[in-house]
Protein backbone atom coordinates (compact mmCIF):
# COMPACT_ATOMS: atom_id res chain seq x y z
CA MET A 1 -34.71 -39.18 12.01
CA LEU A 2 -36.64 -40.99 9.25
CA ASN A 3 -39.04 -42.68 11.64
CA ASP A 4 -39.24 -40.01 14.34
CA PRO A 5 -42.79 -38.54 14.40
CA ALA A 6 -41.55 -35.41 16.11
CA ILE A 7 -39.70 -34.37 13.00
CA HIS A 8 -42.12 -32.74 10.61
CA GLY A 9 -41.18 -34.01 7.13
CA GLU A 10 -43.20 -31.31 5.43
CA ARG A 11 -40.78 -28.71 6.85
CA ILE A 12 -37.74 -30.42 5.35
CA THR A 13 -36.58 -28.94 2.07
CA VAL A 14 -33.54 -29.60 -0.14
CA SER A 15 -31.36 -26.99 -1.73
CA ASP A 16 -31.47 -26.91 -5.48
CA ASN A 17 -27.73 -27.52 -5.82
CA ALA A 18 -27.80 -31.25 -5.03
CA LYS A 19 -25.01 -32.49 -7.18
CA PHE A 20 -23.74 -36.04 -7.81
CA ILE A 21 -20.73 -37.16 -9.92
CA LEU A 22 -21.06 -40.43 -11.83
CA SER A 23 -18.05 -42.64 -12.25
CA SER A 24 -17.29 -43.08 -15.92
CA SER A 25 -16.30 -46.74 -15.57
CA ASN A 26 -19.29 -48.06 -13.54
CA LYS A 27 -22.67 -47.00 -12.18
CA LYS A 28 -21.40 -45.59 -8.87
CA PHE A 29 -21.81 -41.96 -7.85
CA SER A 30 -20.80 -39.65 -5.06
CA GLY A 31 -22.09 -36.28 -4.09
CA ALA A 32 -23.52 -33.80 -1.64
CA ILE A 33 -26.89 -32.48 -0.62
CA THR A 34 -28.08 -29.82 1.79
CA LEU A 35 -31.21 -30.22 3.87
CA TYR A 36 -33.13 -27.36 5.47
CA TYR A 37 -35.54 -27.74 8.37
CA ASP A 38 -37.83 -24.82 9.30
CA TRP A 39 -38.48 -25.12 13.05
CA ASN A 40 -41.40 -23.54 14.85
CA ASN A 41 -40.47 -23.85 18.53
CA GLU A 42 -37.45 -24.55 20.71
CA GLU A 43 -38.40 -28.30 20.93
CA ASP A 44 -38.19 -28.55 17.13
CA LYS A 45 -34.88 -26.73 17.12
CA ALA A 46 -33.42 -28.93 19.86
CA LEU A 47 -34.59 -32.13 18.13
CA ALA A 48 -33.06 -31.01 14.78
CA THR A 49 -29.71 -30.27 16.35
CA GLN A 50 -29.69 -33.78 17.91
CA TYR A 51 -29.89 -35.22 14.42
CA GLY A 52 -27.01 -33.05 13.13
CA PHE A 53 -28.66 -29.86 11.89
CA ILE A 54 -27.02 -26.51 12.64
CA CYS A 55 -29.73 -24.05 13.51
CA ASP A 56 -30.11 -20.26 13.40
CA THR A 57 -33.07 -18.00 14.25
CA ARG A 58 -35.60 -19.76 12.02
CA ARG A 59 -33.96 -22.44 9.86
CA CYS A 60 -31.70 -25.45 10.47
CA THR A 61 -29.13 -26.60 7.86
CA TRP A 62 -27.54 -29.99 7.45
CA MET A 63 -24.86 -30.44 4.78
CA LEU A 64 -24.48 -34.04 3.83
CA ASP A 65 -21.34 -34.63 1.75
CA GLY A 66 -19.43 -37.70 0.90
CA LEU A 67 -22.64 -39.47 -0.06
CA LYS A 68 -22.04 -42.63 -2.12
CA GLY A 69 -24.36 -44.89 -3.99
CA SER A 70 -24.95 -46.82 -7.16
CA ILE A 71 -27.53 -46.77 -9.95
CA HIS A 72 -29.33 -50.10 -10.34
CA GLN A 73 -32.61 -51.63 -11.31
CA LYS A 74 -35.51 -50.89 -8.97
CA ASN A 75 -35.89 -53.55 -6.33
CA LYS A 76 -39.43 -54.97 -6.50
CA LYS A 77 -39.20 -56.26 -2.82
CA ALA A 78 -37.74 -53.06 -1.38
CA ASP A 79 -38.01 -52.24 2.30
CA TYR A 80 -39.33 -48.67 2.30
CA SER A 81 -39.07 -48.23 6.10
CA ASN A 82 -35.69 -46.56 5.69
CA VAL A 83 -36.74 -44.27 2.78
CA MET A 84 -37.25 -40.61 3.47
CA VAL A 85 -40.08 -38.96 1.59
CA PHE A 86 -39.55 -35.37 0.60
CA HIS A 87 -42.70 -33.26 0.41
CA GLN A 88 -41.34 -30.58 -1.96
CA PRO A 89 -39.70 -31.29 -5.29
CA PHE A 90 -36.01 -30.52 -5.85
CA THR A 91 -33.49 -30.79 -8.65
CA VAL A 92 -30.61 -33.27 -8.62
CA GLY A 93 -27.79 -32.84 -11.08
CA PHE A 94 -25.69 -35.81 -12.21
CA TYR A 95 -22.32 -35.07 -13.79
CA GLU A 96 -19.79 -37.37 -15.41
CA TYR A 97 -16.08 -36.78 -15.77
CA LYS A 98 -15.06 -37.10 -19.46
CA ALA A 99 -11.70 -36.55 -21.07
CA THR A 100 -11.61 -33.58 -23.43
CA ASP A 101 -11.21 -33.94 -27.20
CA GLY A 102 -11.29 -37.71 -27.00
CA VAL A 103 -7.95 -37.85 -25.12
CA PRO A 104 -8.07 -40.59 -22.51
CA ARG A 105 -7.77 -39.37 -18.93
CA GLY A 106 -4.70 -41.53 -18.26
CA LEU A 107 -2.83 -39.89 -21.13
CA VAL A 108 -3.75 -36.44 -19.82
CA ASN A 109 -2.45 -37.36 -16.38
CA ALA A 110 0.73 -38.81 -17.84
CA LEU A 111 1.45 -35.66 -19.86
CA LEU A 112 0.84 -33.21 -16.99
CA PRO A 113 4.40 -33.48 -15.56
CA VAL A 114 5.92 -32.97 -19.01
CA THR A 115 3.89 -29.81 -19.69
CA LEU A 116 4.75 -28.41 -16.26
CA THR A 117 8.46 -29.06 -16.79
CA LEU A 118 8.30 -27.35 -20.24
CA ASP A 119 6.61 -24.36 -18.70
CA ILE A 120 9.29 -24.06 -15.98
CA VAL A 121 12.21 -24.53 -18.44
CA THR A 122 10.87 -22.03 -21.02
CA SER A 123 9.64 -19.41 -18.55
CA PRO A 124 12.81 -17.26 -18.76
CA LEU A 125 12.47 -17.16 -22.58
CA GLN A 126 8.79 -16.39 -22.23
CA PHE A 127 9.64 -13.57 -19.82
CA LEU A 128 12.27 -12.12 -22.25
CA ILE A 129 9.79 -12.14 -25.12
CA LEU A 130 7.15 -10.47 -23.00
CA CYS A 131 9.63 -7.77 -21.79
CA THR A 132 10.88 -6.90 -25.25
CA THR A 133 7.30 -6.45 -26.56
CA ARG A 134 6.30 -4.36 -23.53
CA ASN A 135 9.61 -2.51 -22.83
CA CYS A 136 10.05 -3.87 -19.26
C-alpha cells in the first residue's frame, strides 16, 4: 500500500485516539491505530478493501491493533521507502503503566489473592452488618 500510486495518501486520515502503551522496564511499546480512507469511486473502494480496509458508503476503515515497536535514536541512514507519510496531523498518546502509591506491581499482584480471599471469607459478616443497618 505504501508504494501503490493508486492509493491517494492525501485521503488517508488517522483517528485521534491512537494510543500506545510504553513498557515501564524498557523502551518498547504496543498499541493500536485506526486509519480512514475516503474513496471517490468503486475502483478506490475495491483497492482499499484489497489492502484490508472495510468500506461503507463513503469511507473505509482499517483498525490496526497489536502494533509493536521501540523508541530509539533516529537512524541517520534510514531507508524511507517503507515509511508512510500522513498528510493530515493526528494526535498520538503514549501511556505508561505505573504502580499506585509507590507500591511495586509485583507486590500488588501477590496481594490480590489475599484480598479476594478476605472478601469472600468476610462477606457473610459484611452482609449481616448491611442488613442490620438497613432492616433487611
